[in-house]
Amino acid sequence: MRTLVTCAVASALVLLTGCPAEAPASCQTLATVPTPVASDGYVLRFVRSTPASPGCETATPDEMSDIWVFNTVANGVVLAHSVRMPFSEGAPTPPGVVGTGTFAGPEVDADGLCEVPSLTTMSDSTTGTLFSYQARDLVFLGSPAYQGAEFKGTLTVSIGTCVADYDVQALSPAVPCQTDQDCDPLRTPFSSGIARGFDQGCTFAPWTATVMEYLATQYPGNSGVCFLRQPFPSLNPGADQSR
C-alpha cells in the first residue's frame, strides 16, 4: 500500500510540475581524435574577404581549403590542428602547430550555438616558408542534433610575406564522394555519417583541391567531397537549428 501511495504522490507531482526540463547540451567539437586523421576532421572552405596583396594571388587565392581535426578537453578548452602542418603520433608536438581556444560558455545558447572567440595561432615553417592560421569568431552549430558538426568563422592566412583574411565554413566528417548519394545520411548499407539536417552534397569545385589531396591517400578513386550548399547553417527546409 505504501508503494501505491508513493507512486500516486509522484504522479500528482508530475501533473502539477510537468516533465523535467531537458538539460542544455554541452558545447563541444564533433571530432575527438588524438592524432590528425583527415576523415575524422572538418572540411574547411576559405573564401577570401580582403584583396590579395600584389604578387600573392597564387599564395592566397580567392578560395581554398584544408582539413582540421579538433578535440574538446577539460573546461571547454578546444584544440585544433591543420593536417597541412606536421604532427606525428608518439613524437613531441612541434610548438605552435596546435591552435588553442575556449568556448565562451559551457552550454549551447538559446539559438543552438557555441562560440569560440579565438584560437592561438597555428604556424609551421619546416618547409622554409612561414605558414600560419589565426582563427577568430568561430561559431559552432552546437545543438544535440548537430553536436558542433558545422562552424563558421574568420581566418587570417599568412604564407611567407602574403597575408589575407578569409571567411570560413566547415563541415565534419570529411567524406569523399563521386555522387550526392555518397553524402546521404540515409544511404544503405552504410550512412555517410553526416547529420541529417544539413543541405549538402558532393562538390568537385576547384577550392576542394587541397582537401582531395589528403583524402586520396585514404580513399583513392574519389574526386569530390561532401560539403554544404548554403551559407551557415545550411539546413534543409524544416530542420530545427536548436534541437
C-alpha atoms as a PDB file:
ATOM      1  CA  MET A   1       0.000   0.000   0.000  1.00  0.00           C
ATOM      2  CA  ARG A   2       2.829   2.388   0.827  1.00  0.00           C
ATOM      3  CA  THR A   3       4.281   1.809  -2.641  1.00  0.00           C
ATOM      4  CA  LEU A   4       0.951   2.663  -4.255  1.00  0.00           C
ATOM      5  CA  VAL A   5       0.658   5.858  -2.205  1.00  0.00           C
ATOM      6  CA  THR A   6       4.197   6.857  -3.096  1.00  0.00           C
ATOM      7  CA  CYS A   7       3.513   6.306  -6.792  1.00  0.00           C
ATOM      8  CA  ALA A   8       0.291   8.294  -6.558  1.00  0.00           C
ATOM      9  CA  VAL A   9       2.088  11.222  -4.924  1.00  0.00           C
ATOM     10  CA  ALA A  10       4.839  11.101  -7.541  1.00  0.00           C
ATOM     11  CA  SER A  11       2.263  11.056 -10.341  1.00  0.00           C
ATOM     12  CA  ALA A  12       0.491  14.032  -8.835  1.00  0.00           C
ATOM     13  CA  LEU A  13       3.741  15.966  -8.659  1.00  0.00           C
ATOM     14  CA  VAL A  14       4.422  15.247 -12.343  1.00  0.00           C
ATOM     15  CA  LEU A  15       0.958  16.508 -13.243  1.00  0.00           C
ATOM     16  CA  LEU A  16       1.447  19.665 -11.188  1.00  0.00           C
ATOM     17  CA  THR A  17       5.009  20.487 -12.181  1.00  0.00           C
ATOM     18  CA  GLY A  18       5.220  18.993 -15.673  1.00  0.00           C
ATOM     19  CA  CYS A  19       8.045  16.947 -17.136  1.00  0.00           C
ATOM     20  CA  PRO A  20      11.578  17.891 -16.080  1.00  0.00           C
ATOM     21  CA  ALA A  21      13.212  20.383 -18.442  1.00  0.00           C
ATOM     22  CA  GLU A  22      15.771  18.926 -20.816  1.00  0.00           C
ATOM     23  CA  ALA A  23      19.300  19.762 -19.721  1.00  0.00           C
ATOM     24  CA  PRO A  24      21.144  22.129 -22.110  1.00  0.00           C
ATOM     25  CA  ALA A  25      23.680  20.446 -24.366  1.00  0.00           C
ATOM     26  CA  SER A  26      27.351  20.952 -23.626  1.00  0.00           C
ATOM     27  CA  CYS A  27      29.462  22.837 -26.149  1.00  0.00           C
ATOM     28  CA  GLN A  28      31.799  20.501 -27.999  1.00  0.00           C
ATOM     29  CA  THR A  29      33.548  19.889 -31.278  1.00  0.00           C
ATOM     30  CA  LEU A  30      32.499  16.820 -33.207  1.00  0.00           C
ATOM     31  CA  ALA A  31      35.847  15.158 -33.812  1.00  0.00           C
ATOM     32  CA  THR A  32      37.702  13.960 -30.724  1.00  0.00           C
ATOM     33  CA  VAL A  33      40.731  12.101 -32.012  1.00  0.00           C
ATOM     34  CA  PRO A  34      44.236  12.109 -30.554  1.00  0.00           C
ATOM     35  CA  THR A  35      46.002  12.243 -33.930  1.00  0.00           C
ATOM     36  CA  PRO A  36      45.217  14.114 -37.154  1.00  0.00           C
ATOM     37  CA  VAL A  37      43.242  11.627 -39.254  1.00  0.00           C
ATOM     38  CA  ALA A  38      41.765  13.519 -42.202  1.00  0.00           C
ATOM     39  CA  SER A  39      38.461  11.655 -42.404  1.00  0.00           C
ATOM     40  CA  ASP A  40      37.719  12.397 -38.734  1.00  0.00           C
ATOM     41  CA  GLY A  41      38.124  16.133 -39.207  1.00  0.00           C
ATOM     42  CA  TYR A  42      36.360  19.128 -40.685  1.00  0.00           C
ATOM     43  CA  VAL A  43      36.458  20.173 -44.317  1.00  0.00           C
ATOM     44  CA  LEU A  44      37.123  23.934 -44.360  1.00  0.00           C
ATOM     45  CA  ARG A  45      36.223  26.164 -47.279  1.00  0.00           C
ATOM     46  CA  PHE A  46      38.029  29.528 -47.271  1.00  0.00           C
ATOM     47  CA  VAL A  47      36.589  32.468 -49.230  1.00  0.00           C
ATOM     48  CA  ARG A  48      38.914  35.478 -49.300  1.00  0.00           C
ATOM     49  CA  SER A  49      37.315  38.610 -47.832  1.00  0.00           C
ATOM     50  CA  THR A  50      40.179  41.057 -48.481  1.00  0.00           C
ATOM     51  CA  PRO A  51      42.072  41.748 -51.716  1.00  0.00           C
ATOM     52  CA  ALA A  52      45.194  39.728 -52.351  1.00  0.00           C
ATOM     53  CA  SER A  53      48.415  41.687 -51.991  1.00  0.00           C
ATOM     54  CA  PRO A  54      50.345  42.267 -55.243  1.00  0.00           C
ATOM     55  CA  GLY A  55      52.099  39.072 -56.227  1.00  0.00           C
ATOM     56  CA  CYS A  56      50.101  36.987 -53.726  1.00  0.00           C
ATOM     57  CA  GLU A  57      47.240  35.835 -55.937  1.00  0.00           C
ATOM     58  CA  THR A  58      48.646  32.292 -56.095  1.00  0.00           C
ATOM     59  CA  ALA A  59      49.632  32.012 -52.428  1.00  0.00           C
ATOM     60  CA  THR A  60      46.318  33.446 -51.200  1.00  0.00           C
ATOM     61  CA  PRO A  61      43.743  32.614 -53.926  1.00  0.00           C
ATOM     62  CA  ASP A  62      40.080  33.620 -53.943  1.00  0.00           C
ATOM     63  CA  GLU A  63      39.085  30.245 -52.462  1.00  0.00           C
ATOM     64  CA  MET A  64      40.982  27.353 -50.924  1.00  0.00           C
ATOM     65  CA  SER A  65      40.526  24.532 -48.445  1.00  0.00           C
ATOM     66  CA  ASP A  66      42.014  22.471 -45.650  1.00  0.00           C
ATOM     67  CA  ILE A  67      41.121  19.761 -43.153  1.00  0.00           C
ATOM     68  CA  TRP A  68      41.315  20.459 -39.439  1.00  0.00           C
ATOM     69  CA  VAL A  69      40.935  17.991 -36.602  1.00  0.00           C
ATOM     70  CA  PHE A  70      39.610  19.114 -33.237  1.00  0.00           C
ATOM     71  CA  ASN A  71      39.439  17.956 -29.669  1.00  0.00           C
ATOM     72  CA  THR A  72      37.455  19.397 -26.771  1.00  0.00           C
ATOM     73  CA  VAL A  73      39.175  18.813 -23.445  1.00  0.00           C
ATOM     74  CA  ALA A  74      38.509  19.866 -19.855  1.00  0.00           C
ATOM     75  CA  ASN A  75      36.839  23.187 -19.022  1.00  0.00           C
ATOM     76  CA  GLY A  76      35.683  23.831 -22.583  1.00  0.00           C
ATOM     77  CA  VAL A  77      39.195  24.125 -23.999  1.00  0.00           C
ATOM     78  CA  VAL A  78      39.314  23.477 -27.737  1.00  0.00           C
ATOM     79  CA  LEU A  79      42.369  22.156 -29.597  1.00  0.00           C
ATOM     80  CA  ALA A  80      42.652  22.440 -33.388  1.00  0.00           C
ATOM     81  CA  HIS A  81      45.208  21.215 -35.876  1.00  0.00           C
ATOM     82  CA  SER A  82      45.580  21.536 -39.648  1.00  0.00           C
ATOM     83  CA  VAL A  83      46.664  18.383 -41.481  1.00  0.00           C
ATOM     84  CA  ARG A  84      48.902  20.613 -43.611  1.00  0.00           C
ATOM     85  CA  MET A  85      51.197  21.009 -40.609  1.00  0.00           C
ATOM     86  CA  PRO A  86      53.488  18.186 -39.397  1.00  0.00           C
ATOM     87  CA  PHE A  87      52.250  16.121 -36.493  1.00  0.00           C
ATOM     88  CA  SER A  88      53.363  12.556 -35.761  1.00  0.00           C
ATOM     89  CA  GLU A  89      51.848  10.163 -33.249  1.00  0.00           C
ATOM     90  CA  GLY A  90      54.249   9.436 -30.420  1.00  0.00           C
ATOM     91  CA  ALA A  91      56.561  12.310 -31.308  1.00  0.00           C
ATOM     92  CA  PRO A  92      56.776  15.593 -29.389  1.00  0.00           C
ATOM     93  CA  THR A  93      54.259  18.122 -30.655  1.00  0.00           C
ATOM     94  CA  PRO A  94      56.072  20.870 -32.568  1.00  0.00           C
ATOM     95  CA  PRO A  95      55.498  24.261 -30.946  1.00  0.00           C
ATOM     96  CA  GLY A  96      52.748  26.331 -32.499  1.00  0.00           C
ATOM     97  CA  VAL A  97      51.060  23.733 -34.717  1.00  0.00           C
ATOM     98  CA  VAL A  98      48.071  23.294 -32.390  1.00  0.00           C
ATOM     99  CA  GLY A  99      45.590  26.154 -32.010  1.00  0.00           C
ATOM    100  CA  THR A 100      44.020  26.520 -28.569  1.00  0.00           C
ATOM    101  CA  GLY A 101      40.854  28.357 -27.542  1.00  0.00           C
ATOM    102  CA  THR A 102      37.955  28.125 -25.105  1.00  0.00           C
ATOM    103  CA  PHE A 103      34.215  28.036 -25.599  1.00  0.00           C
ATOM    104  CA  ALA A 104      32.630  31.290 -24.422  1.00  0.00           C
ATOM    105  CA  GLY A 105      30.185  29.274 -22.323  1.00  0.00           C
ATOM    106  CA  PRO A 106      29.880  25.641 -21.236  1.00  0.00           C
ATOM    107  CA  GLU A 107      26.437  25.104 -22.779  1.00  0.00           C
ATOM    108  CA  VAL A 108      24.690  25.667 -26.094  1.00  0.00           C
ATOM    109  CA  ASP A 109      22.855  29.012 -26.182  1.00  0.00           C
ATOM    110  CA  ALA A 110      19.152  29.555 -26.924  1.00  0.00           C
ATOM    111  CA  ASP A 111      19.875  29.561 -30.671  1.00  0.00           C
ATOM    112  CA  GLY A 112      21.702  26.237 -30.546  1.00  0.00           C
ATOM    113  CA  LEU A 113      25.119  27.844 -30.990  1.00  0.00           C
ATOM    114  CA  CYS A 114      28.503  27.741 -29.259  1.00  0.00           C
ATOM    115  CA  GLU A 115      31.202  30.384 -29.730  1.00  0.00           C
ATOM    116  CA  VAL A 116      34.983  30.247 -29.547  1.00  0.00           C
ATOM    117  CA  PRO A 117      36.252  33.858 -29.635  1.00  0.00           C
ATOM    118  CA  SER A 118      39.690  32.932 -30.971  1.00  0.00           C
ATOM    119  CA  LEU A 119      42.337  30.254 -31.319  1.00  0.00           C
ATOM    120  CA  THR A 120      46.019  30.767 -30.753  1.00  0.00           C
ATOM    121  CA  THR A 121      47.951  30.991 -33.998  1.00  0.00           C
ATOM    122  CA  MET A 122      48.794  27.718 -35.735  1.00  0.00           C
ATOM    123  CA  SER A 123      52.106  28.046 -37.555  1.00  0.00           C
ATOM    124  CA  ASP A 124      54.746  25.967 -39.257  1.00  0.00           C
ATOM    125  CA  SER A 125      57.995  26.842 -41.049  1.00  0.00           C
ATOM    126  CA  THR A 126      59.536  23.414 -41.610  1.00  0.00           C
ATOM    127  CA  THR A 127      59.423  23.960 -45.386  1.00  0.00           C
ATOM    128  CA  GLY A 128      61.440  27.143 -45.021  1.00  0.00           C
ATOM    129  CA  THR A 129      58.388  29.353 -45.614  1.00  0.00           C
ATOM    130  CA  LEU A 130      56.194  30.588 -42.775  1.00  0.00           C
ATOM    131  CA  PHE A 131      52.656  29.201 -42.986  1.00  0.00           C
ATOM    132  CA  SER A 132      50.140  30.217 -40.327  1.00  0.00           C
ATOM    133  CA  TYR A 133      46.454  30.416 -39.455  1.00  0.00           C
ATOM    134  CA  GLN A 134      44.900  32.798 -36.943  1.00  0.00           C
ATOM    135  CA  ALA A 135      41.240  31.890 -36.372  1.00  0.00           C
ATOM    136  CA  ARG A 136      38.655  34.020 -34.583  1.00  0.00           C
ATOM    137  CA  ASP A 137      34.897  34.411 -34.144  1.00  0.00           C
ATOM    138  CA  LEU A 138      34.225  30.697 -34.527  1.00  0.00           C
ATOM    139  CA  VAL A 139      30.531  29.810 -34.189  1.00  0.00           C
ATOM    140  CA  PHE A 140      29.608  26.118 -33.935  1.00  0.00           C
ATOM    141  CA  LEU A 141      26.166  24.607 -34.538  1.00  0.00           C
ATOM    142  CA  GLY A 142      26.148  23.008 -31.140  1.00  0.00           C
ATOM    143  CA  SER A 143      22.658  21.617 -30.503  1.00  0.00           C
ATOM    144  CA  PRO A 144      22.186  17.872 -29.755  1.00  0.00           C
ATOM    145  CA  ALA A 145      21.210  17.216 -33.393  1.00  0.00           C
ATOM    146  CA  TYR A 146      24.483  18.625 -34.768  1.00  0.00           C
ATOM    147  CA  GLN A 147      26.996  18.489 -31.880  1.00  0.00           C
ATOM    148  CA  GLY A 148      29.351  21.035 -33.395  1.00  0.00           C
ATOM    149  CA  ALA A 149      29.474  19.353 -36.825  1.00  0.00           C
ATOM    150  CA  GLU A 150      29.469  22.724 -38.621  1.00  0.00           C
ATOM    151  CA  PHE A 151      31.125  26.021 -37.846  1.00  0.00           C
ATOM    152  CA  LYS A 152      31.835  29.381 -39.418  1.00  0.00           C
ATOM    153  CA  GLY A 153      34.470  31.968 -38.603  1.00  0.00           C
ATOM    154  CA  THR A 154      37.158  34.344 -39.781  1.00  0.00           C
ATOM    155  CA  LEU A 155      40.697  33.335 -40.606  1.00  0.00           C
ATOM    156  CA  THR A 156      43.900  35.241 -41.307  1.00  0.00           C
ATOM    157  CA  VAL A 157      46.217  33.197 -43.506  1.00  0.00           C
ATOM    158  CA  SER A 158      49.927  34.012 -43.782  1.00  0.00           C
ATOM    159  CA  ILE A 159      52.113  32.275 -46.367  1.00  0.00           C
ATOM    160  CA  GLY A 160      55.570  33.786 -46.458  1.00  0.00           C
ATOM    161  CA  THR A 161      55.010  37.519 -46.813  1.00  0.00           C
ATOM    162  CA  CYS A 162      51.484  37.100 -48.210  1.00  0.00           C
ATOM    163  CA  VAL A 163      48.636  37.762 -45.768  1.00  0.00           C
ATOM    164  CA  ALA A 164      44.881  37.673 -46.410  1.00  0.00           C
ATOM    165  CA  ASP A 165      41.626  37.335 -44.459  1.00  0.00           C
ATOM    166  CA  TYR A 166      39.097  34.629 -45.265  1.00  0.00           C
ATOM    167  CA  ASP A 167      35.536  33.772 -44.293  1.00  0.00           C
ATOM    168  CA  VAL A 168      35.426  30.113 -43.307  1.00  0.00           C
ATOM    169  CA  GLN A 169      32.688  27.496 -43.296  1.00  0.00           C
ATOM    170  CA  ALA A 170      33.368  23.931 -42.151  1.00  0.00           C
ATOM    171  CA  LEU A 171      31.636  20.544 -42.043  1.00  0.00           C
ATOM    172  CA  SER A 172      32.535  17.291 -40.296  1.00  0.00           C
ATOM    173  CA  PRO A 173      33.102  14.459 -41.049  1.00  0.00           C
ATOM    174  CA  ALA A 174      35.198  14.722 -44.195  1.00  0.00           C
ATOM    175  CA  VAL A 175      33.506  12.380 -46.682  1.00  0.00           C
ATOM    176  CA  PRO A 176      34.912  11.802 -50.203  1.00  0.00           C
ATOM    177  CA  CYS A 177      32.322  11.221 -52.910  1.00  0.00           C
ATOM    178  CA  GLN A 178      31.506  10.655 -56.537  1.00  0.00           C
ATOM    179  CA  THR A 179      27.749  11.415 -56.342  1.00  0.00           C
ATOM    180  CA  ASP A 180      25.287  13.056 -53.955  1.00  0.00           C
ATOM    181  CA  GLN A 181      24.237   9.563 -52.872  1.00  0.00           C
ATOM    182  CA  ASP A 182      27.647   9.092 -51.269  1.00  0.00           C
ATOM    183  CA  CYS A 183      26.812  12.048 -48.976  1.00  0.00           C
ATOM    184  CA  ASP A 184      23.358  10.752 -47.976  1.00  0.00           C
ATOM    185  CA  PRO A 185      22.976  10.177 -44.204  1.00  0.00           C
ATOM    186  CA  LEU A 186      20.290   7.569 -45.015  1.00  0.00           C
ATOM    187  CA  ARG A 187      22.421   5.697 -47.533  1.00  0.00           C
ATOM    188  CA  THR A 188      22.437   1.927 -47.136  1.00  0.00           C
ATOM    189  CA  PRO A 189      24.125  -0.223 -46.105  1.00  0.00           C
ATOM    190  CA  PHE A 190      26.415   2.499 -44.718  1.00  0.00           C
ATOM    191  CA  SER A 191      25.472   6.063 -43.821  1.00  0.00           C
ATOM    192  CA  SER A 192      27.748   8.911 -44.832  1.00  0.00           C
ATOM    193  CA  GLY A 193      27.849   9.878 -41.152  1.00  0.00           C
ATOM    194  CA  ILE A 194      26.813  13.468 -41.895  1.00  0.00           C
ATOM    195  CA  ALA A 195      23.961  14.873 -39.784  1.00  0.00           C
ATOM    196  CA  ARG A 196      20.572  14.509 -41.463  1.00  0.00           C
ATOM    197  CA  GLY A 197      19.521  18.163 -41.225  1.00  0.00           C
ATOM    198  CA  PHE A 198      22.222  19.649 -43.451  1.00  0.00           C
ATOM    199  CA  ASP A 199      21.662  20.867 -47.006  1.00  0.00           C
ATOM    200  CA  GLN A 200      24.804  19.341 -48.510  1.00  0.00           C
ATOM    201  CA  GLY A 201      26.018  17.243 -51.405  1.00  0.00           C
ATOM    202  CA  CYS A 202      29.009  16.171 -53.472  1.00  0.00           C
ATOM    203  CA  THR A 203      31.109  19.013 -54.856  1.00  0.00           C
ATOM    204  CA  PHE A 204      34.020  18.977 -57.300  1.00  0.00           C
ATOM    205  CA  ALA A 205      34.710  22.730 -57.131  1.00  0.00           C
ATOM    206  CA  PRO A 206      38.338  23.845 -57.621  1.00  0.00           C
ATOM    207  CA  TRP A 207      38.601  25.002 -53.999  1.00  0.00           C
ATOM    208  CA  THR A 208      38.475  21.347 -52.848  1.00  0.00           C
ATOM    209  CA  ALA A 209      41.886  20.518 -54.357  1.00  0.00           C
ATOM    210  CA  THR A 210      43.829  20.535 -51.082  1.00  0.00           C
ATOM    211  CA  VAL A 211      41.158  18.501 -49.291  1.00  0.00           C
ATOM    212  CA  MET A 212      41.106  15.886 -52.044  1.00  0.00           C
ATOM    213  CA  GLU A 213      44.886  15.606 -51.953  1.00  0.00           C
ATOM    214  CA  TYR A 214      44.690  14.455 -48.336  1.00  0.00           C
ATOM    215  CA  LEU A 215      41.588  12.290 -48.669  1.00  0.00           C
ATOM    216  CA  ALA A 216      43.034  10.494 -51.694  1.00  0.00           C
ATOM    217  CA  THR A 217      45.656   8.849 -49.504  1.00  0.00           C
ATOM    218  CA  GLN A 218      42.881   7.109 -47.541  1.00  0.00           C
ATOM    219  CA  TYR A 219      40.112   6.873 -50.127  1.00  0.00           C
ATOM    220  CA  PRO A 220      41.527   6.608 -53.654  1.00  0.00           C
ATOM    221  CA  GLY A 221      39.145   6.740 -56.589  1.00  0.00           C
ATOM    222  CA  ASN A 222      37.048   9.689 -55.407  1.00  0.00           C
ATOM    223  CA  SER A 223      37.205  13.134 -56.979  1.00  0.00           C
ATOM    224  CA  GLY A 224      34.720  15.094 -54.845  1.00  0.00           C
ATOM    225  CA  VAL A 225      33.942  15.846 -51.215  1.00  0.00           C
ATOM    226  CA  CYS A 226      30.625  16.265 -49.395  1.00  0.00           C
ATOM    227  CA  PHE A 227      30.023  19.871 -48.420  1.00  0.00           C
ATOM    228  CA  LEU A 228      27.373  22.428 -47.520  1.00  0.00           C
ATOM    229  CA  ARG A 229      25.365  24.099 -50.268  1.00  0.00           C
ATOM    230  CA  GLN A 230      24.296  27.247 -48.431  1.00  0.00           C
ATOM    231  CA  PRO A 231      25.800  29.789 -46.032  1.00  0.00           C
ATOM    232  CA  PHE A 232      25.847  28.871 -42.347  1.00  0.00           C
ATOM    233  CA  PRO A 233      23.894  26.997 -41.045  1.00  0.00           C
ATOM    234  CA  SER A 234      22.925  25.383 -44.420  1.00  0.00           C
ATOM    235  CA  LEU A 235      19.980  23.386 -43.117  1.00  0.00           C
ATOM    236  CA  ASN A 236      17.266  21.626 -45.098  1.00  0.00           C
ATOM    237  CA  PRO A 237      13.788  23.222 -45.011  1.00  0.00           C
ATOM    238  CA  GLY A 238      12.095  22.272 -41.760  1.00  0.00           C
ATOM    239  CA  ALA A 239      15.324  21.311 -39.980  1.00  0.00           C
ATOM    240  CA  ASP A 240      15.469  22.804 -36.485  1.00  0.00           C
ATOM    241  CA  GLN A 241      18.781  24.503 -35.702  1.00  0.00           C
ATOM    242  CA  SER A 242      18.200  24.497 -31.945  1.00  0.00           C
ATOM    243  CA  ARG A 243      17.163  20.858 -31.458  1.00  0.00           C
END
